[in-house]
Amino acid sequence: MITDRLENIQQYQSLFSGIDQFVKVSQSKSLNAITAKETHGEITLIPISSQAVSETFDPSVLEAHKTLMDIHITLEGTDVIAYADLESETTSFKAYDEVNDYLLAQSDAIKTISVPEGYFCIIPNNFAHMALYEGHANVKKVVVKMNAVV
């Protein structure tokens, strides 16, 4: 997990190949202007808004990916992202869905990180995670989906 201010994201281009593509897109388009899922080359941008935790929220459930990874960028509010090491701190809850590249896991070793407005969090695919976790409020964000291969 890496978190930093959005203006510093280009410093991580050498670590993750999709960040270069994201930087190019973000230089030509305001993230606040994204209102629907968009694909740009090998990255997908997904806008998400949430006022509060849903009534069906289960604090023990996390998701994980095998081929993709995420960057969560908070545009408004403060997101709370829960996470646990996929291999050593979770048990499978829903088998891997290859078409949608996700599985669900449960953990009793969940940690959280706050991602305030103007910050991002890079979530490599060795972590199970759940954004918009307990404690978030009035969040507007963009999730960048990109290949997990460096």
N, C-alpha and C. Protein backbone atom coordinates (compact mmCIF):
# COMPACT_ATOMS: atom_id res chain seq x y z
N MET A 1 0.85 -1.17 0.00
CA MET A 1 0.00 0.00 0.00
C MET A 1 0.90 1.24 0.00
N ILE A 2 0.59 2.12 -0.93
CA ILE A 2 1.33 3.38 -1.00
C ILE A 2 0.31 4.50 -1.01
N THR A 3 0.48 5.48 -0.16
CA THR A 3 -0.40 6.64 -0.18
C THR A 3 0.46 7.90 -0.21
N ASP A 4 -0.06 8.90 -0.93
CA ASP A 4 0.68 10.14 -1.10
C ASP A 4 -0.29 11.17 -1.68
N ARG A 5 0.17 12.40 -1.80
CA ARG A 5 -0.64 13.44 -2.44
C ARG A 5 -0.68 13.18 -3.95
N LEU A 6 -1.82 13.48 -4.55
CA LEU A 6 -2.00 13.22 -5.98
C LEU A 6 -0.94 13.90 -6.83
N GLU A 7 -0.50 15.08 -6.45
CA GLU A 7 0.51 15.78 -7.26
C GLU A 7 1.84 15.04 -7.31
N ASN A 8 2.03 14.05 -6.45
CA ASN A 8 3.28 13.28 -6.42
C ASN A 8 3.18 11.92 -7.11
N ILE A 9 2.06 11.63 -7.74
CA ILE A 9 1.87 10.28 -8.29
C ILE A 9 2.90 9.92 -9.35
N GLN A 10 3.39 10.90 -10.10
CA GLN A 10 4.37 10.60 -11.15
C GLN A 10 5.66 10.00 -10.58
N GLN A 11 5.92 10.20 -9.30
CA GLN A 11 7.11 9.62 -8.67
C GLN A 11 7.05 8.09 -8.61
N TYR A 12 5.89 7.51 -8.85
CA TYR A 12 5.71 6.06 -8.74
C TYR A 12 5.60 5.38 -10.11
N GLN A 13 5.85 6.13 -11.18
CA GLN A 13 5.75 5.59 -12.53
C GLN A 13 6.69 4.42 -12.77
N SER A 14 7.85 4.45 -12.17
CA SER A 14 8.81 3.36 -12.40
C SER A 14 8.41 2.08 -11.66
N LEU A 15 7.53 2.18 -10.70
CA LEU A 15 7.09 1.00 -9.95
C LEU A 15 5.94 0.26 -10.61
N PHE A 16 5.03 1.01 -11.23
CA PHE A 16 3.82 0.42 -11.81
C PHE A 16 3.58 1.02 -13.18
N SER A 17 3.50 0.16 -14.20
CA SER A 17 3.45 0.62 -15.58
C SER A 17 2.21 1.45 -15.92
N GLY A 18 1.07 1.22 -15.30
CA GLY A 18 -0.14 1.95 -15.62
C GLY A 18 -0.15 3.39 -15.15
N ILE A 19 0.74 3.75 -14.24
CA ILE A 19 0.74 5.11 -13.72
C ILE A 19 1.12 6.11 -14.81
N ASP A 20 2.01 5.74 -15.71
CA ASP A 20 2.38 6.63 -16.81
C ASP A 20 1.15 6.99 -17.64
N GLN A 21 0.35 5.99 -17.98
CA GLN A 21 -0.88 6.24 -18.75
C GLN A 21 -1.84 7.12 -17.96
N PHE A 22 -1.98 6.86 -16.65
CA PHE A 22 -2.87 7.67 -15.82
C PHE A 22 -2.40 9.13 -15.78
N VAL A 23 -1.11 9.37 -15.62
CA VAL A 23 -0.59 10.73 -15.58
C VAL A 23 -0.93 11.46 -16.87
N LYS A 24 -0.77 10.81 -18.00
CA LYS A 24 -1.10 11.44 -19.29
C LYS A 24 -2.57 11.81 -19.36
N VAL A 25 -3.44 10.90 -18.93
CA VAL A 25 -4.88 11.18 -18.96
C VAL A 25 -5.22 12.33 -18.02
N SER A 26 -4.66 12.30 -16.82
CA SER A 26 -5.01 13.33 -15.82
C SER A 26 -4.47 14.71 -16.19
N GLN A 27 -3.47 14.77 -17.05
CA GLN A 27 -2.96 16.06 -17.51
C GLN A 27 -3.87 16.68 -18.57
N SER A 28 -4.67 15.84 -19.22
CA SER A 28 -5.55 16.35 -20.27
C SER A 28 -7.01 16.39 -19.87
N LYS A 29 -7.34 15.88 -18.68
CA LYS A 29 -8.73 15.79 -18.28
C LYS A 29 -8.85 15.92 -16.77
N SER A 30 -9.82 16.70 -16.32
CA SER A 30 -10.07 16.83 -14.88
C SER A 30 -10.72 15.54 -14.36
N LEU A 31 -10.19 15.01 -13.28
CA LEU A 31 -10.79 13.82 -12.68
C LEU A 31 -12.21 14.09 -12.21
N ASN A 32 -12.49 15.31 -11.79
CA ASN A 32 -13.84 15.68 -11.36
C ASN A 32 -14.84 15.62 -12.51
N ALA A 33 -14.38 15.69 -13.75
CA ALA A 33 -15.26 15.66 -14.91
C ALA A 33 -15.67 14.24 -15.30
N ILE A 34 -15.08 13.24 -14.68
CA ILE A 34 -15.40 11.85 -15.03
C ILE A 34 -16.69 11.46 -14.32
N THR A 35 -17.71 11.15 -15.11
CA THR A 35 -19.02 10.82 -14.54
C THR A 35 -19.46 9.39 -14.85
N ALA A 36 -18.70 8.70 -15.69
CA ALA A 36 -19.00 7.31 -16.04
C ALA A 36 -17.68 6.59 -16.29
N LYS A 37 -17.72 5.29 -16.24
CA LYS A 37 -16.54 4.46 -16.45
C LYS A 37 -15.91 4.80 -17.81
N GLU A 38 -14.59 5.00 -17.81
CA GLU A 38 -13.86 5.34 -19.04
C GLU A 38 -12.63 4.45 -19.15
N THR A 39 -12.32 4.02 -20.36
CA THR A 39 -11.10 3.26 -20.60
C THR A 39 -10.17 4.09 -21.48
N HIS A 40 -8.92 4.15 -21.07
CA HIS A 40 -7.88 4.88 -21.81
C HIS A 40 -6.70 3.93 -21.94
N GLY A 41 -6.53 3.35 -23.12
CA GLY A 41 -5.46 2.38 -23.30
C GLY A 41 -5.65 1.20 -22.36
N GLU A 42 -4.68 0.99 -21.49
CA GLU A 42 -4.73 -0.16 -20.59
C GLU A 42 -5.21 0.17 -19.18
N ILE A 43 -5.76 1.37 -18.99
CA ILE A 43 -6.31 1.71 -17.69
C ILE A 43 -7.80 2.02 -17.82
N THR A 44 -8.52 1.80 -16.74
CA THR A 44 -9.93 2.14 -16.67
C THR A 44 -10.13 3.04 -15.47
N LEU A 45 -10.89 4.12 -15.67
CA LEU A 45 -11.21 5.07 -14.61
C LEU A 45 -12.68 4.89 -14.24
N ILE A 46 -12.94 4.72 -12.95
CA ILE A 46 -14.29 4.48 -12.47
C ILE A 46 -14.63 5.51 -11.40
N PRO A 47 -15.61 6.40 -11.67
CA PRO A 47 -16.00 7.37 -10.64
C PRO A 47 -16.94 6.71 -9.62
N ILE A 48 -16.75 7.05 -8.36
CA ILE A 48 -17.57 6.48 -7.28
C ILE A 48 -17.88 7.59 -6.28
N SER A 49 -19.12 7.60 -5.81
CA SER A 49 -19.53 8.52 -4.74
C SER A 49 -20.23 7.73 -3.66
N SER A 50 -20.04 8.14 -2.41
CA SER A 50 -20.70 7.47 -1.29
C SER A 50 -20.87 8.45 -0.14
N GLN A 51 -22.05 8.50 0.39
CA GLN A 51 -22.32 9.37 1.54
C GLN A 51 -22.03 8.68 2.86
N ALA A 52 -22.27 7.36 2.90
CA ALA A 52 -22.10 6.60 4.14
C ALA A 52 -22.03 5.11 3.81
N VAL A 53 -21.66 4.31 4.79
CA VAL A 53 -21.60 2.86 4.64
C VAL A 53 -23.00 2.32 4.36
N SER A 54 -23.12 1.38 3.42
CA SER A 54 -24.43 0.82 3.09
C SER A 54 -24.95 -0.06 4.22
N GLU A 55 -26.24 -0.27 4.23
CA GLU A 55 -26.87 -1.09 5.27
C GLU A 55 -26.44 -2.55 5.20
N THR A 56 -26.03 -3.02 4.04
CA THR A 56 -25.62 -4.42 3.87
C THR A 56 -24.12 -4.63 4.09
N PHE A 57 -23.43 -3.60 4.53
CA PHE A 57 -21.99 -3.65 4.74
C PHE A 57 -21.59 -4.75 5.72
N ASP A 58 -20.60 -5.55 5.34
CA ASP A 58 -20.04 -6.58 6.23
C ASP A 58 -18.58 -6.23 6.44
N PRO A 59 -18.19 -5.80 7.64
CA PRO A 59 -16.82 -5.32 7.87
C PRO A 59 -15.74 -6.40 7.78
N SER A 60 -16.13 -7.66 7.66
CA SER A 60 -15.12 -8.72 7.56
C SER A 60 -14.78 -9.09 6.13
N VAL A 61 -15.52 -8.54 5.14
CA VAL A 61 -15.34 -8.93 3.74
C VAL A 61 -14.46 -7.93 2.99
N LEU A 62 -13.48 -8.47 2.30
CA LEU A 62 -12.56 -7.70 1.46
C LEU A 62 -12.55 -8.30 0.07
N GLU A 63 -12.14 -7.50 -0.92
CA GLU A 63 -12.00 -8.02 -2.28
C GLU A 63 -10.53 -8.03 -2.67
N ALA A 64 -10.21 -8.86 -3.66
CA ALA A 64 -8.83 -8.90 -4.16
C ALA A 64 -8.88 -9.19 -5.65
N HIS A 65 -7.80 -8.83 -6.32
CA HIS A 65 -7.67 -9.04 -7.76
C HIS A 65 -6.41 -9.86 -8.04
N LYS A 66 -6.41 -10.53 -9.18
CA LYS A 66 -5.22 -11.28 -9.58
C LYS A 66 -4.47 -10.61 -10.73
N THR A 67 -5.20 -10.14 -11.74
CA THR A 67 -4.52 -9.55 -12.90
C THR A 67 -4.50 -8.03 -12.88
N LEU A 68 -5.43 -7.42 -12.14
CA LEU A 68 -5.48 -5.97 -12.05
C LEU A 68 -5.11 -5.50 -10.65
N MET A 69 -4.83 -4.23 -10.55
CA MET A 69 -4.63 -3.58 -9.25
C MET A 69 -5.30 -2.21 -9.32
N ASP A 70 -5.45 -1.60 -8.16
CA ASP A 70 -6.19 -0.34 -8.08
C ASP A 70 -5.33 0.81 -7.58
N ILE A 71 -5.72 2.00 -8.03
CA ILE A 71 -5.32 3.25 -7.39
C ILE A 71 -6.62 3.95 -7.02
N HIS A 72 -6.81 4.24 -5.76
CA HIS A 72 -7.99 4.96 -5.29
C HIS A 72 -7.59 6.41 -5.06
N ILE A 73 -8.29 7.33 -5.72
CA ILE A 73 -7.98 8.75 -5.64
C ILE A 73 -9.18 9.47 -5.04
N THR A 74 -8.99 10.08 -3.89
CA THR A 74 -10.08 10.78 -3.22
C THR A 74 -10.15 12.22 -3.72
N LEU A 75 -11.29 12.58 -4.29
CA LEU A 75 -11.50 13.93 -4.81
C LEU A 75 -12.21 14.82 -3.80
N GLU A 76 -13.09 14.22 -3.00
CA GLU A 76 -13.80 14.95 -1.94
C GLU A 76 -13.98 14.01 -0.75
N GLY A 77 -13.99 14.57 0.45
CA GLY A 77 -14.20 13.79 1.65
C GLY A 77 -12.95 13.03 2.06
N THR A 78 -13.15 12.02 2.91
CA THR A 78 -12.05 11.15 3.34
C THR A 78 -12.50 9.71 3.21
N ASP A 79 -11.82 8.98 2.34
CA ASP A 79 -12.10 7.55 2.18
C ASP A 79 -11.38 6.79 3.28
N VAL A 80 -11.93 5.67 3.66
CA VAL A 80 -11.27 4.75 4.58
C VAL A 80 -11.16 3.42 3.84
N ILE A 81 -9.94 2.93 3.69
CA ILE A 81 -9.70 1.68 2.98
C ILE A 81 -9.20 0.64 3.97
N ALA A 82 -9.91 -0.48 4.01
CA ALA A 82 -9.51 -1.60 4.85
C ALA A 82 -8.65 -2.54 4.00
N TYR A 83 -7.70 -3.21 4.65
CA TYR A 83 -6.85 -4.13 3.89
C TYR A 83 -6.27 -5.21 4.80
N ALA A 84 -5.86 -6.28 4.16
CA ALA A 84 -5.16 -7.38 4.82
C ALA A 84 -4.35 -8.11 3.76
N ASP A 85 -3.25 -8.70 4.19
CA ASP A 85 -2.43 -9.48 3.26
C ASP A 85 -3.26 -10.66 2.76
N LEU A 86 -3.34 -10.79 1.45
CA LEU A 86 -4.19 -11.82 0.85
C LEU A 86 -3.78 -13.23 1.24
N GLU A 87 -2.50 -13.52 1.22
CA GLU A 87 -2.03 -14.89 1.47
C GLU A 87 -2.05 -15.29 2.94
N SER A 88 -1.65 -14.39 3.83
CA SER A 88 -1.46 -14.80 5.23
C SER A 88 -2.53 -14.31 6.20
N GLU A 89 -3.39 -13.39 5.76
CA GLU A 89 -4.35 -12.82 6.71
C GLU A 89 -5.81 -12.94 6.29
N THR A 90 -6.10 -13.71 5.24
CA THR A 90 -7.48 -13.86 4.79
C THR A 90 -7.82 -15.32 4.51
N THR A 91 -9.11 -15.57 4.47
CA THR A 91 -9.62 -16.86 4.00
C THR A 91 -10.63 -16.58 2.90
N SER A 92 -10.70 -17.47 1.94
CA SER A 92 -11.58 -17.27 0.79
C SER A 92 -13.04 -17.28 1.22
N PHE A 93 -13.79 -16.35 0.69
CA PHE A 93 -15.21 -16.22 0.99
C PHE A 93 -16.03 -16.48 -0.27
N LYS A 94 -15.56 -15.98 -1.40
CA LYS A 94 -16.17 -16.22 -2.71
C LYS A 94 -15.03 -16.51 -3.68
N ALA A 95 -15.15 -17.60 -4.39
CA ALA A 95 -14.09 -18.04 -5.30
C ALA A 95 -13.80 -16.98 -6.36
N TYR A 96 -12.59 -17.03 -6.88
CA TYR A 96 -12.13 -16.08 -7.89
C TYR A 96 -13.02 -16.13 -9.12
N ASP A 97 -13.46 -14.97 -9.56
CA ASP A 97 -14.24 -14.78 -10.77
C ASP A 97 -13.27 -14.26 -11.83
N GLU A 98 -12.85 -15.14 -12.73
CA GLU A 98 -11.82 -14.79 -13.71
C GLU A 98 -12.29 -13.70 -14.68
N VAL A 99 -13.55 -13.72 -15.07
CA VAL A 99 -14.07 -12.73 -16.02
C VAL A 99 -14.01 -11.33 -15.43
N ASN A 100 -14.39 -11.19 -14.17
CA ASN A 100 -14.42 -9.87 -13.51
C ASN A 100 -13.20 -9.60 -12.64
N ASP A 101 -12.27 -10.55 -12.60
CA ASP A 101 -11.01 -10.43 -11.87
C ASP A 101 -11.20 -9.99 -10.41
N TYR A 102 -11.96 -10.77 -9.68
CA TYR A 102 -12.04 -10.49 -8.24
C TYR A 102 -12.42 -11.74 -7.48
N LEU A 103 -12.04 -11.74 -6.23
CA LEU A 103 -12.48 -12.75 -5.28
C LEU A 103 -12.84 -12.01 -4.01
N LEU A 104 -13.62 -12.65 -3.17
CA LEU A 104 -13.95 -12.06 -1.87
C LEU A 104 -13.30 -12.91 -0.79
N ALA A 105 -12.78 -12.23 0.22
CA ALA A 105 -12.10 -12.90 1.32
C ALA A 105 -12.59 -12.30 2.63
N GLN A 106 -12.41 -13.04 3.69
CA GLN A 106 -12.71 -12.54 5.03
C GLN A 106 -11.43 -12.52 5.84
N SER A 107 -11.39 -11.60 6.80
CA SER A 107 -10.19 -11.48 7.62
C SER A 107 -10.56 -10.98 9.01
N ASP A 108 -9.80 -11.46 9.98
CA ASP A 108 -9.91 -10.90 11.34
C ASP A 108 -8.65 -10.11 11.67
N ALA A 109 -7.86 -9.80 10.63
CA ALA A 109 -6.63 -9.02 10.80
C ALA A 109 -6.68 -7.75 9.94
N ILE A 110 -7.85 -7.16 9.85
CA ILE A 110 -8.04 -5.98 9.00
C ILE A 110 -7.42 -4.74 9.63
N LYS A 111 -6.72 -4.01 8.77
CA LYS A 111 -6.15 -2.71 9.13
C LYS A 111 -6.84 -1.66 8.25
N THR A 112 -6.80 -0.40 8.64
CA THR A 112 -7.40 0.64 7.81
C THR A 112 -6.43 1.79 7.59
N ILE A 113 -6.67 2.48 6.50
CA ILE A 113 -5.90 3.67 6.17
C ILE A 113 -6.88 4.74 5.69
N SER A 114 -6.71 5.95 6.15
CA SER A 114 -7.53 7.07 5.69
C SER A 114 -6.87 7.73 4.49
N VAL A 115 -7.68 8.02 3.48
CA VAL A 115 -7.18 8.65 2.26
C VAL A 115 -8.00 9.94 2.06
N PRO A 116 -7.47 11.07 2.53
CA PRO A 116 -8.23 12.31 2.46
C PRO A 116 -8.24 12.92 1.05
N GLU A 117 -9.05 13.93 0.88
CA GLU A 117 -9.15 14.66 -0.37
C GLU A 117 -7.76 15.07 -0.86
N GLY A 118 -7.50 14.81 -2.15
CA GLY A 118 -6.22 15.18 -2.74
C GLY A 118 -5.14 14.12 -2.60
N TYR A 119 -5.48 12.99 -2.00
CA TYR A 119 -4.52 11.89 -1.83
C TYR A 119 -4.95 10.69 -2.65
N PHE A 120 -4.01 9.78 -2.86
CA PHE A 120 -4.30 8.51 -3.54
C PHE A 120 -3.75 7.38 -2.69
N CYS A 121 -4.22 6.18 -3.00
CA CYS A 121 -3.70 4.96 -2.38
C CYS A 121 -3.53 3.91 -3.47
N ILE A 122 -2.31 3.46 -3.67
CA ILE A 122 -2.02 2.39 -4.61
C ILE A 122 -2.18 1.07 -3.85
N ILE A 123 -3.00 0.17 -4.40
CA ILE A 123 -3.27 -1.10 -3.74
C ILE A 123 -2.79 -2.24 -4.65
N PRO A 124 -1.57 -2.73 -4.41
CA PRO A 124 -1.08 -3.87 -5.20
C PRO A 124 -1.97 -5.09 -4.96
N ASN A 125 -1.95 -6.03 -5.89
CA ASN A 125 -2.88 -7.15 -5.79
C ASN A 125 -2.51 -8.22 -4.77
N ASN A 126 -1.47 -8.03 -3.99
CA ASN A 126 -1.20 -8.96 -2.90
C ASN A 126 -1.99 -8.58 -1.64
N PHE A 127 -2.78 -7.51 -1.72
CA PHE A 127 -3.64 -7.11 -0.61
C PHE A 127 -5.10 -7.31 -0.98
N ALA A 128 -5.85 -7.89 -0.06
CA ALA A 128 -7.31 -7.83 -0.15
C ALA A 128 -7.69 -6.49 0.45
N HIS A 129 -8.73 -5.86 -0.07
CA HIS A 129 -9.06 -4.52 0.39
C HIS A 129 -10.55 -4.25 0.25
N MET A 130 -11.02 -3.21 0.93
CA MET A 130 -12.38 -2.72 0.76
C MET A 130 -12.36 -1.22 1.03
N ALA A 131 -12.70 -0.47 0.01
CA ALA A 131 -12.77 0.98 0.16
C ALA A 131 -14.15 1.36 0.69
N LEU A 132 -14.29 2.64 1.00
CA LEU A 132 -15.54 3.16 1.55
C LEU A 132 -15.94 2.37 2.79
N TYR A 133 -14.95 2.12 3.61
CA TYR A 133 -15.09 1.31 4.81
C TYR A 133 -15.69 2.13 5.95
N GLU A 134 -15.93 1.50 7.06
CA GLU A 134 -16.49 2.19 8.23
C GLU A 134 -15.71 3.47 8.52
N GLY A 135 -16.44 4.57 8.70
CA GLY A 135 -15.80 5.83 9.03
C GLY A 135 -15.66 6.79 7.87
N HIS A 136 -15.90 6.34 6.63
CA HIS A 136 -15.81 7.28 5.51
C HIS A 136 -17.05 8.17 5.51
N ALA A 137 -16.94 9.32 4.89
CA ALA A 137 -18.08 10.24 4.82
C ALA A 137 -17.98 11.11 3.58
N ASN A 138 -19.09 11.21 2.87
CA ASN A 138 -19.22 12.12 1.73
C ASN A 138 -18.03 12.04 0.78
N VAL A 139 -17.79 10.85 0.28
CA VAL A 139 -16.62 10.61 -0.57
C VAL A 139 -16.99 10.66 -2.05
N LYS A 140 -16.18 11.39 -2.80
CA LYS A 140 -16.19 11.35 -4.25
C LYS A 140 -14.80 10.94 -4.65
N LYS A 141 -14.69 9.91 -5.49
CA LYS A 141 -13.37 9.39 -5.81
C LYS A 141 -13.35 8.82 -7.23
N VAL A 142 -12.17 8.54 -7.69
CA VAL A 142 -11.96 7.81 -8.94
C VAL A 142 -11.05 6.63 -8.63
N VAL A 143 -11.47 5.46 -9.10
CA VAL A 143 -10.63 4.27 -8.99
C VAL A 143 -10.01 4.00 -10.35
N VAL A 144 -8.70 3.84 -10.35
CA VAL A 144 -7.97 3.50 -11.58
C VAL A 144 -7.67 2.01 -11.52
N LYS A 145 -8.14 1.27 -12.52
CA LYS A 145 -7.84 -0.16 -12.64
C LYS A 145 -6.74 -0.28 -13.69
N MET A 146 -5.68 -1.01 -13.33
CA MET A 146 -4.56 -1.18 -14.26
C MET A 146 -3.95 -2.55 -14.08
N ASN A 147 -3.17 -2.98 -15.05
CA ASN A 147 -2.50 -4.27 -14.94
C ASN A 147 -1.58 -4.31 -13.74
N ALA A 148 -1.58 -5.44 -13.05
CA ALA A 148 -0.75 -5.59 -11.87
C ALA A 148 0.70 -5.85 -12.20
N VAL A 149 0.97 -6.19 -13.45
CA VAL A 149 2.35 -6.44 -13.86
C VAL A 149 3.12 -5.13 -13.88
N VAL A 150 4.31 -5.15 -13.30
CA VAL A 150 5.14 -3.93 -13.25
C VAL A 150 5.64 -3.58 -14.62
